[in-house]
Amino acid sequence: MRVRLVTNACEAKGLARDAQLVAGLLSRWGHTTETADFRDAPAGEAPDLVLHFEVLAPAYLEVEARHWFVPNPEWWPAGAAGAKS
């Protein structure tokens, strides 16, 4: 399976490290991974799965693939998606 991890790909940010850890795990399971910054336009062949870390990037939602959202609990706003504070 081809998986694109969409996140803040800046090396100095924790989300980039989260993506590296998940990519490593997926690679060990036999999947092909690539990391993309949420601010960049999608490029290349569409993956089978797009993992959105913390931010749902609208441009990547247009990619024909299955999409999973991985929210960051400490940044998730109270009341979002029915969450209770």
PDB file of N, CA and C in Angstrom:
ATOM      1  N   MET A   1       0.848  -1.169   0.000  1.00  0.00           N
ATOM      2  CA  MET A   1       0.000   0.000   0.000  1.00  0.00           C
ATOM      3  C   MET A   1       0.894   1.233   0.000  1.00  0.00           C
ATOM      4  N   ARG A   2       0.515   2.234  -0.775  1.00  0.00           N
ATOM      5  CA  ARG A   2       1.233   3.517  -0.792  1.00  0.00           C
ATOM      6  C   ARG A   2       0.533   4.475   0.157  1.00  0.00           C
ATOM      7  N   VAL A   3       1.293   5.028   1.101  1.00  0.00           N
ATOM      8  CA  VAL A   3       0.734   5.915   2.129  1.00  0.00           C
ATOM      9  C   VAL A   3       1.454   7.249   2.079  1.00  0.00           C
ATOM     10  N   ARG A   4       0.677   8.327   2.013  1.00  0.00           N
ATOM     11  CA  ARG A   4       1.238   9.688   2.087  1.00  0.00           C
ATOM     12  C   ARG A   4       0.884  10.263   3.449  1.00  0.00           C
ATOM     13  N   LEU A   5       1.900  10.722   4.190  1.00  0.00           N
ATOM     14  CA  LEU A   5       1.705  11.316   5.503  1.00  0.00           C
ATOM     15  C   LEU A   5       1.782  12.831   5.341  1.00  0.00           C
ATOM     16  N   VAL A   6       0.681  13.509   5.585  1.00  0.00           N
ATOM     17  CA  VAL A   6       0.599  14.962   5.406  1.00  0.00           C
ATOM     18  C   VAL A   6       0.662  15.625   6.778  1.00  0.00           C
ATOM     19  N   THR A   7       1.651  16.500   6.940  1.00  0.00           N
ATOM     20  CA  THR A   7       1.900  17.097   8.252  1.00  0.00           C
ATOM     21  C   THR A   7       2.704  18.378   8.090  1.00  0.00           C
ATOM     22  N   ASN A   8       3.087  18.963   9.200  1.00  0.00           N
ATOM     23  CA  ASN A   8       4.061  20.042   9.178  1.00  0.00           C
ATOM     24  C   ASN A   8       5.409  19.343   9.089  1.00  0.00           C
ATOM     25  N   ALA A   9       5.991  19.331   7.914  1.00  0.00           N
ATOM     26  CA  ALA A   9       7.191  18.530   7.667  1.00  0.00           C
ATOM     27  C   ALA A   9       8.482  19.208   8.122  1.00  0.00           C
ATOM     28  N   CYS A  10       8.379  20.353   8.789  1.00  0.00           N
ATOM     29  CA  CYS A  10       9.565  21.051   9.302  1.00  0.00           C
ATOM     30  C   CYS A  10      10.283  20.151  10.306  1.00  0.00           C
ATOM     31  N   GLU A  11      11.562  19.925  10.107  1.00  0.00           N
ATOM     32  CA  GLU A  11      12.339  19.027  10.971  1.00  0.00           C
ATOM     33  C   GLU A  11      12.309  19.426  12.446  1.00  0.00           C
ATOM     34  N   ALA A  12      12.128  20.712  12.725  1.00  0.00           N
ATOM     35  CA  ALA A  12      12.183  21.180  14.110  1.00  0.00           C
ATOM     36  C   ALA A  12      10.868  20.959  14.860  1.00  0.00           C
ATOM     37  N   LYS A  13       9.853  20.460  14.187  1.00  0.00           N
ATOM     38  CA  LYS A  13       8.540  20.309  14.804  1.00  0.00           C
ATOM     39  C   LYS A  13       8.273  18.863  15.204  1.00  0.00           C
ATOM     40  N   GLY A  14       7.511  18.685  16.269  1.00  0.00           N
ATOM     41  CA  GLY A  14       7.175  17.352  16.754  1.00  0.00           C
ATOM     42  C   GLY A  14       6.349  16.545  15.778  1.00  0.00           C
ATOM     43  N   LEU A  15       5.523  17.213  14.971  1.00  0.00           N
ATOM     44  CA  LEU A  15       4.704  16.483  14.007  1.00  0.00           C
ATOM     45  C   LEU A  15       5.559  15.777  12.960  1.00  0.00           C
ATOM     46  N   ALA A  16       6.671  16.387  12.579  1.00  0.00           N
ATOM     47  CA  ALA A  16       7.577  15.750  11.622  1.00  0.00           C
ATOM     48  C   ALA A  16       8.135  14.461  12.239  1.00  0.00           C
ATOM     49  N   ARG A  17       8.446  14.504  13.511  1.00  0.00           N
ATOM     50  CA  ARG A  17       8.949  13.303  14.188  1.00  0.00           C
ATOM     51  C   ARG A  17       7.866  12.245  14.282  1.00  0.00           C
ATOM     52  N   ASP A  18       6.628  12.648  14.565  1.00  0.00           N
ATOM     53  CA  ASP A  18       5.510  11.700  14.587  1.00  0.00           C
ATOM     54  C   ASP A  18       5.397  10.995  13.235  1.00  0.00           C
ATOM     55  N   ALA A  19       5.481  11.772  12.148  1.00  0.00           N
ATOM     56  CA  ALA A  19       5.380  11.207  10.803  1.00  0.00           C
ATOM     57  C   ALA A  19       6.530  10.236  10.533  1.00  0.00           C
ATOM     58  N   GLN A  20       7.733  10.569  10.986  1.00  0.00           N
ATOM     59  CA  GLN A  20       8.883   9.676  10.804  1.00  0.00           C
ATOM     60  C   GLN A  20       8.655   8.342  11.520  1.00  0.00           C
ATOM     61  N   LEU A  21       8.137   8.410  12.742  1.00  0.00           N
ATOM     62  CA  LEU A  21       7.881   7.189  13.505  1.00  0.00           C
ATOM     63  C   LEU A  21       6.831   6.313  12.830  1.00  0.00           C
ATOM     64  N   VAL A  22       5.733   6.919  12.388  1.00  0.00           N
ATOM     65  CA  VAL A  22       4.670   6.172  11.717  1.00  0.00           C
ATOM     66  C   VAL A  22       5.168   5.625  10.383  1.00  0.00           C
ATOM     67  N   ALA A  23       5.928   6.421   9.630  1.00  0.00           N
ATOM     68  CA  ALA A  23       6.478   5.964   8.351  1.00  0.00           C
ATOM     69  C   ALA A  23       7.397   4.760   8.562  1.00  0.00           C
ATOM     70  N   GLY A  24       8.209   4.807   9.600  1.00  0.00           N
ATOM     71  CA  GLY A  24       9.091   3.681   9.897  1.00  0.00           C
ATOM     72  C   GLY A  24       8.317   2.407  10.188  1.00  0.00           C
ATOM     73  N   LEU A  25       7.273   2.528  10.980  1.00  0.00           N
ATOM     74  CA  LEU A  25       6.438   1.382  11.313  1.00  0.00           C
ATOM     75  C   LEU A  25       5.762   0.834  10.060  1.00  0.00           C
ATOM     76  N   LEU A  26       5.162   1.722   9.264  1.00  0.00           N
ATOM     77  CA  LEU A  26       4.484   1.282   8.039  1.00  0.00           C
ATOM     78  C   LEU A  26       5.462   0.621   7.069  1.00  0.00           C
ATOM     79  N   SER A  27       6.668   1.160   6.974  1.00  0.00           N
ATOM     80  CA  SER A  27       7.690   0.569   6.098  1.00  0.00           C
ATOM     81  C   SER A  27       8.056  -0.841   6.550  1.00  0.00           C
ATOM     82  N   ARG A  28       8.198  -1.020   7.861  1.00  0.00           N
ATOM     83  CA  ARG A  28       8.507  -2.362   8.385  1.00  0.00           C
ATOM     84  C   ARG A  28       7.379  -3.343   8.087  1.00  0.00           C
ATOM     85  N   TRP A  29       6.171  -2.845   7.956  1.00  0.00           N
ATOM     86  CA  TRP A  29       5.024  -3.695   7.627  1.00  0.00           C
ATOM     87  C   TRP A  29       4.887  -3.907   6.115  1.00  0.00           C
ATOM     88  N   GLY A  30       5.813  -3.331   5.332  1.00  0.00           N
ATOM     89  CA  GLY A  30       5.823  -3.569   3.892  1.00  0.00           C
ATOM     90  C   GLY A  30       5.137  -2.507   3.050  1.00  0.00           C
ATOM     91  N   HIS A  31       4.746  -1.399   3.650  1.00  0.00           N
ATOM     92  CA  HIS A  31       4.092  -0.326   2.903  1.00  0.00           C
ATOM     93  C   HIS A  31       5.124   0.682   2.411  1.00  0.00           C
ATOM     94  N   THR A  32       4.779   1.385   1.344  1.00  0.00           N
ATOM     95  CA  THR A  32       5.612   2.455   0.810  1.00  0.00           C
ATOM     96  C   THR A  32       5.076   3.771   1.359  1.00  0.00           C
ATOM     97  N   THR A  33       5.956   4.615   1.896  1.00  0.00           N
ATOM     98  CA  THR A  33       5.498   5.871   2.495  1.00  0.00           C
ATOM     99  C   THR A  33       6.213   7.062   1.876  1.00  0.00           C
ATOM    100  N   GLU A  34       5.548   8.196   1.956  1.00  0.00           N
ATOM    101  CA  GLU A  34       6.142   9.483   1.586  1.00  0.00           C
ATOM    102  C   GLU A  34       5.533  10.529   2.507  1.00  0.00           C
ATOM    103  N   THR A  35       6.308  11.540   2.836  1.00  0.00           N
ATOM    104  CA  THR A  35       5.833  12.614   3.697  1.00  0.00           C
ATOM    105  C   THR A  35       5.675  13.878   2.862  1.00  0.00           C
ATOM    106  N   ALA A  36       4.580  14.599   3.096  1.00  0.00           N
ATOM    107  CA  ALA A  36       4.317  15.844   2.381  1.00  0.00           C
ATOM    108  C   ALA A  36       3.944  16.916   3.394  1.00  0.00           C
ATOM    109  N   ASP A  37       4.374  18.132   3.128  1.00  0.00           N
ATOM    110  CA  ASP A  37       4.002  19.260   3.979  1.00  0.00           C
ATOM    111  C   ASP A  37       2.594  19.708   3.620  1.00  0.00           C
ATOM    112  N   PHE A  38       1.785  19.999   4.629  1.00  0.00           N
ATOM    113  CA  PHE A  38       0.386  20.361   4.402  1.00  0.00           C
ATOM    114  C   PHE A  38       0.231  21.649   3.601  1.00  0.00           C
ATOM    115  N   ARG A  39       1.272  22.482   3.532  1.00  0.00           N
ATOM    116  CA  ARG A  39       1.198  23.741   2.791  1.00  0.00           C
ATOM    117  C   ARG A  39       1.496  23.569   1.304  1.00  0.00           C
ATOM    118  N   ASP A  40       2.061  22.426   0.935  1.00  0.00           N
ATOM    119  CA  ASP A  40       2.421  22.180  -0.464  1.00  0.00           C
ATOM    120  C   ASP A  40       1.259  21.553  -1.223  1.00  0.00           C
ATOM    121  N   ALA A  41       1.246  21.745  -2.520  1.00  0.00           N
ATOM    122  CA  ALA A  41       0.232  21.124  -3.372  1.00  0.00           C
ATOM    123  C   ALA A  41       0.565  19.647  -3.561  1.00  0.00           C
ATOM    124  N   PRO A  42      -0.457  18.800  -3.638  1.00  0.00           N
ATOM    125  CA  PRO A  42      -0.199  17.382  -3.885  1.00  0.00           C
ATOM    126  C   PRO A  42       0.527  17.196  -5.220  1.00  0.00           C
ATOM    127  N   ALA A  43       1.434  16.250  -5.261  1.00  0.00           N
ATOM    128  CA  ALA A  43       2.186  15.972  -6.481  1.00  0.00           C
ATOM    129  C   ALA A  43       2.393  14.468  -6.604  1.00  0.00           C
ATOM    130  N   GLY A  44       2.602  14.027  -7.806  1.00  0.00           N
ATOM    131  CA  GLY A  44       2.882  12.616  -8.047  1.00  0.00           C
ATOM    132  C   GLY A  44       1.619  11.776  -8.086  1.00  0.00           C
ATOM    133  N   GLU A  45       1.851  10.494  -8.201  1.00  0.00           N
ATOM    134  CA  GLU A  45       0.756   9.532  -8.276  1.00  0.00           C
ATOM    135  C   GLU A  45      -0.019   9.506  -6.961  1.00  0.00           C
ATOM    136  N   ALA A  46      -1.334   9.376  -7.062  1.00  0.00           N
ATOM    137  CA  ALA A  46      -2.172   9.334  -5.863  1.00  0.00           C
ATOM    138  C   ALA A  46      -1.857   8.086  -5.041  1.00  0.00           C
ATOM    139  N   PRO A  47      -1.736   8.236  -3.723  1.00  0.00           N
ATOM    140  CA  PRO A  47      -1.489   7.075  -2.861  1.00  0.00           C
ATOM    141  C   PRO A  47      -2.799   6.326  -2.603  1.00  0.00           C
ATOM    142  N   ASP A  48      -2.689   5.203  -1.920  1.00  0.00           N
ATOM    143  CA  ASP A  48      -3.879   4.451  -1.515  1.00  0.00           C
ATOM    144  C   ASP A  48      -4.505   5.051  -0.261  1.00  0.00           C
ATOM    145  N   LEU A  49      -3.652   5.641   0.591  1.00  0.00           N
ATOM    146  CA  LEU A  49      -4.094   6.192   1.870  1.00  0.00           C
ATOM    147  C   LEU A  49      -3.360   7.498   2.137  1.00  0.00           C
ATOM    148  N   VAL A  50      -4.097   8.494   2.607  1.00  0.00           N
ATOM    149  CA  VAL A  50      -3.494   9.760   3.047  1.00  0.00           C
ATOM    150  C   VAL A  50      -3.753   9.881   4.549  1.00  0.00           C
ATOM    151  N   LEU A  51      -2.677  10.001   5.323  1.00  0.00           N
ATOM    152  CA  LEU A  51      -2.792  10.232   6.765  1.00  0.00           C
ATOM    153  C   LEU A  51      -2.565  11.714   7.015  1.00  0.00           C
ATOM    154  N   HIS A  52      -3.553  12.378   7.594  1.00  0.00           N
ATOM    155  CA  HIS A  52      -3.458  13.802   7.924  1.00  0.00           C
ATOM    156  C   HIS A  52      -3.112  13.912   9.408  1.00  0.00           C
ATOM    157  N   PHE A  53      -1.954  14.467   9.711  1.00  0.00           N
ATOM    158  CA  PHE A  53      -1.543  14.663  11.103  1.00  0.00           C
ATOM    159  C   PHE A  53      -1.913  16.069  11.545  1.00  0.00           C
ATOM    160  N   GLU A  54      -2.824  16.176  12.496  1.00  0.00           N
ATOM    161  CA  GLU A  54      -3.251  17.406  13.165  1.00  0.00           C
ATOM    162  C   GLU A  54      -4.090  18.336  12.303  1.00  0.00           C
ATOM    163  N   VAL A  55      -3.768  18.506  11.022  1.00  0.00           N
ATOM    164  CA  VAL A  55      -4.473  19.449  10.152  1.00  0.00           C
ATOM    165  C   VAL A  55      -5.036  18.716   8.946  1.00  0.00           C
ATOM    166  N   LEU A  56      -6.309  18.977   8.645  1.00  0.00           N
ATOM    167  CA  LEU A  56      -6.887  18.470   7.401  1.00  0.00           C
ATOM    168  C   LEU A  56      -6.542  19.467   6.298  1.00  0.00           C
ATOM    169  N   ALA A  57      -5.656  19.086   5.411  1.00  0.00           N
ATOM    170  CA  ALA A  57      -5.205  19.959   4.339  1.00  0.00           C
ATOM    171  C   ALA A  57      -6.179  19.850   3.168  1.00  0.00           C
ATOM    172  N   PRO A  58      -6.946  20.925   2.875  1.00  0.00           N
ATOM    173  CA  PRO A  58      -7.974  20.858   1.830  1.00  0.00           C
ATOM    174  C   PRO A  58      -7.470  20.358   0.481  1.00  0.00           C
ATOM    175  N   ALA A  59      -6.295  20.779   0.055  1.00  0.00           N
ATOM    176  CA  ALA A  59      -5.781  20.338  -1.247  1.00  0.00           C
ATOM    177  C   ALA A  59      -5.589  18.822  -1.277  1.00  0.00           C
ATOM    178  N   TYR A  60      -5.179  18.247  -0.162  1.00  0.00           N
ATOM    179  CA  TYR A  60      -4.958  16.799  -0.119  1.00  0.00           C
ATOM    180  C   TYR A  60      -6.266  16.030  -0.004  1.00  0.00           C
ATOM    181  N   LEU A  61      -7.316  16.663   0.477  1.00  0.00           N
ATOM    182  CA  LEU A  61      -8.618  15.999   0.531  1.00  0.00           C
ATOM    183  C   LEU A  61      -9.172  15.741  -0.862  1.00  0.00           C
ATOM    184  N   GLU A  62      -8.669  16.484  -1.849  1.00  0.00           N
ATOM    185  CA  GLU A  62      -9.108  16.284  -3.230  1.00  0.00           C
ATOM    186  C   GLU A  62      -8.433  15.074  -3.881  1.00  0.00           C
ATOM    187  N   VAL A  63      -7.385  14.542  -3.259  1.00  0.00           N
ATOM    188  CA  VAL A  63      -6.697  13.370  -3.786  1.00  0.00           C
ATOM    189  C   VAL A  63      -7.606  12.162  -3.617  1.00  0.00           C
ATOM    190  N   GLU A  64      -7.795  11.418  -4.721  1.00  0.00           N
ATOM    191  CA  GLU A  64      -8.662  10.246  -4.659  1.00  0.00           C
ATOM    192  C   GLU A  64      -7.924   9.121  -3.942  1.00  0.00           C
ATOM    193  N   ALA A  65      -8.256   8.956  -2.685  1.00  0.00           N
ATOM    194  CA  ALA A  65      -7.623   7.962  -1.823  1.00  0.00           C
ATOM    195  C   ALA A  65      -8.467   7.839  -0.566  1.00  0.00           C
ATOM    196  N   ARG A  66      -8.168   6.859   0.242  1.00  0.00           N
ATOM    197  CA  ARG A  66      -8.779   6.779   1.570  1.00  0.00           C
ATOM    198  C   ARG A  66      -8.042   7.792   2.438  1.00  0.00           C
ATOM    199  N   HIS A  67      -8.760   8.489   3.322  1.00  0.00           N
ATOM    200  CA  HIS A  67      -8.167   9.518   4.175  1.00  0.00           C
ATOM    201  C   HIS A  67      -8.419   9.174   5.634  1.00  0.00           C
ATOM    202  N   TRP A  68      -7.358   9.269   6.427  1.00  0.00           N
ATOM    203  CA  TRP A  68      -7.460   9.103   7.875  1.00  0.00           C
ATOM    204  C   TRP A  68      -6.937  10.375   8.513  1.00  0.00           C
ATOM    205  N   PHE A  69      -7.610  10.795   9.570  1.00  0.00           N
ATOM    206  CA  PHE A  69      -7.218  12.000  10.298  1.00  0.00           C
ATOM    207  C   PHE A  69      -6.688  11.597  11.665  1.00  0.00           C
ATOM    208  N   VAL A  70      -5.497  12.093  12.002  1.00  0.00           N
ATOM    209  CA  VAL A  70      -4.869  11.816  13.289  1.00  0.00           C
ATOM    210  C   VAL A  70      -4.776  13.139  14.049  1.00  0.00           C
ATOM    211  N   PRO A  71      -5.784  13.461  14.875  1.00  0.00           N
ATOM    212  CA  PRO A  71      -5.742  14.727  15.605  1.00  0.00           C
ATOM    213  C   PRO A  71      -4.703  14.694  16.715  1.00  0.00           C
ATOM    214  N   ASN A  72      -4.231  15.851  17.074  1.00  0.00           N
ATOM    215  CA  ASN A  72      -3.292  16.002  18.181  1.00  0.00           C
ATOM    216  C   ASN A  72      -4.127  16.492  19.364  1.00  0.00           C
ATOM    217  N   PRO A  73      -4.387  15.648  20.367  1.00  0.00           N
ATOM    218  CA  PRO A  73      -5.341  15.994  21.424  1.00  0.00           C
ATOM    219  C   PRO A  73      -5.080  17.318  22.134  1.00  0.00           C
ATOM    220  N   GLU A  74      -3.816  17.659  22.343  1.00  0.00           N
ATOM    221  CA  GLU A  74      -3.556  18.904  23.069  1.00  0.00           C
ATOM    222  C   GLU A  74      -3.853  20.151  22.242  1.00  0.00           C
ATOM    223  N   TRP A  75      -4.025  19.995  20.926  1.00  0.00           N
ATOM    224  CA  TRP A  75      -4.354  21.140  20.064  1.00  0.00           C
ATOM    225  C   TRP A  75      -5.782  21.078  19.545  1.00  0.00           C
ATOM    226  N   TRP A  76      -6.517  20.020  19.862  1.00  0.00           N
ATOM    227  CA  TRP A  76      -7.879  19.857  19.360  1.00  0.00           C
ATOM    228  C   TRP A  76      -8.798  20.801  20.128  1.00  0.00           C
ATOM    229  N   PRO A  77      -9.482  21.712  19.434  1.00  0.00           N
ATOM    230  CA  PRO A  77     -10.313  22.700  20.139  1.00  0.00           C
ATOM    231  C   PRO A  77     -11.543  22.074  20.798  1.00  0.00           C
ATOM    232  N   ALA A  78     -11.880  22.552  21.970  1.00  0.00           N
ATOM    233  CA  ALA A  78     -13.084  22.080  22.672  1.00  0.00           C
ATOM    234  C   ALA A  78     -14.290  22.340  21.787  1.00  0.00           C
ATOM    235  N   GLY A  79     -15.167  21.351  21.684  1.00  0.00           N
ATOM    236  CA  GLY A  79     -16.370  21.483  20.878  1.00  0.00           C
ATOM    237  C   GLY A  79     -16.200  21.044  19.437  1.00  0.00           C
ATOM    238  N   ALA A  80     -14.977  20.799  18.996  1.00  0.00           N
ATOM    239  CA  ALA A  80     -14.764  20.342  17.617  1.00  0.00           C
ATOM    240  C   ALA A  80     -15.270  18.915  17.467  1.00  0.00           C
ATOM    241  N   ALA A  81     -15.978  18.654  16.408  1.00  0.00           N
ATOM    242  CA  ALA A  81     -16.493  17.315  16.100  1.00  0.00           C
ATOM    243  C   ALA A  81     -17.275  16.736  17.272  1.00  0.00           C
ATOM    244  N   GLY A  82     -17.989  17.577  17.999  1.00  0.00           N
ATOM    245  CA  GLY A  82     -18.824  17.102  19.089  1.00  0.00           C
ATOM    246  C   GLY A  82     -18.086  16.824  20.383  1.00  0.00           C
ATOM    247  N   ALA A  83     -16.805  17.192  20.451  1.00  0.00           N
ATOM    248  CA  ALA A  83     -16.025  16.938  21.668  1.00  0.00           C
ATOM    249  C   ALA A  83     -16.537  17.804  22.816  1.00  0.00           C
ATOM    250  N   LYS A  84     -16.492  17.269  23.998  1.00  0.00           N
ATOM    251  CA  LYS A  84     -16.888  18.011  25.204  1.00  0.00           C
ATOM    252  C   LYS A  84     -15.640  18.534  25.884  1.00  0.00           C
ATOM    253  N   SER A  85     -15.741  19.729  26.456  1.00  0.00           N
ATOM    254  CA  SER A  85     -14.571  20.287  27.164  1.00  0.00           C
ATOM    255  C   SER A  85     -14.508  19.762  28.572  1.00  0.00           C
TER     256      SER A  85
END
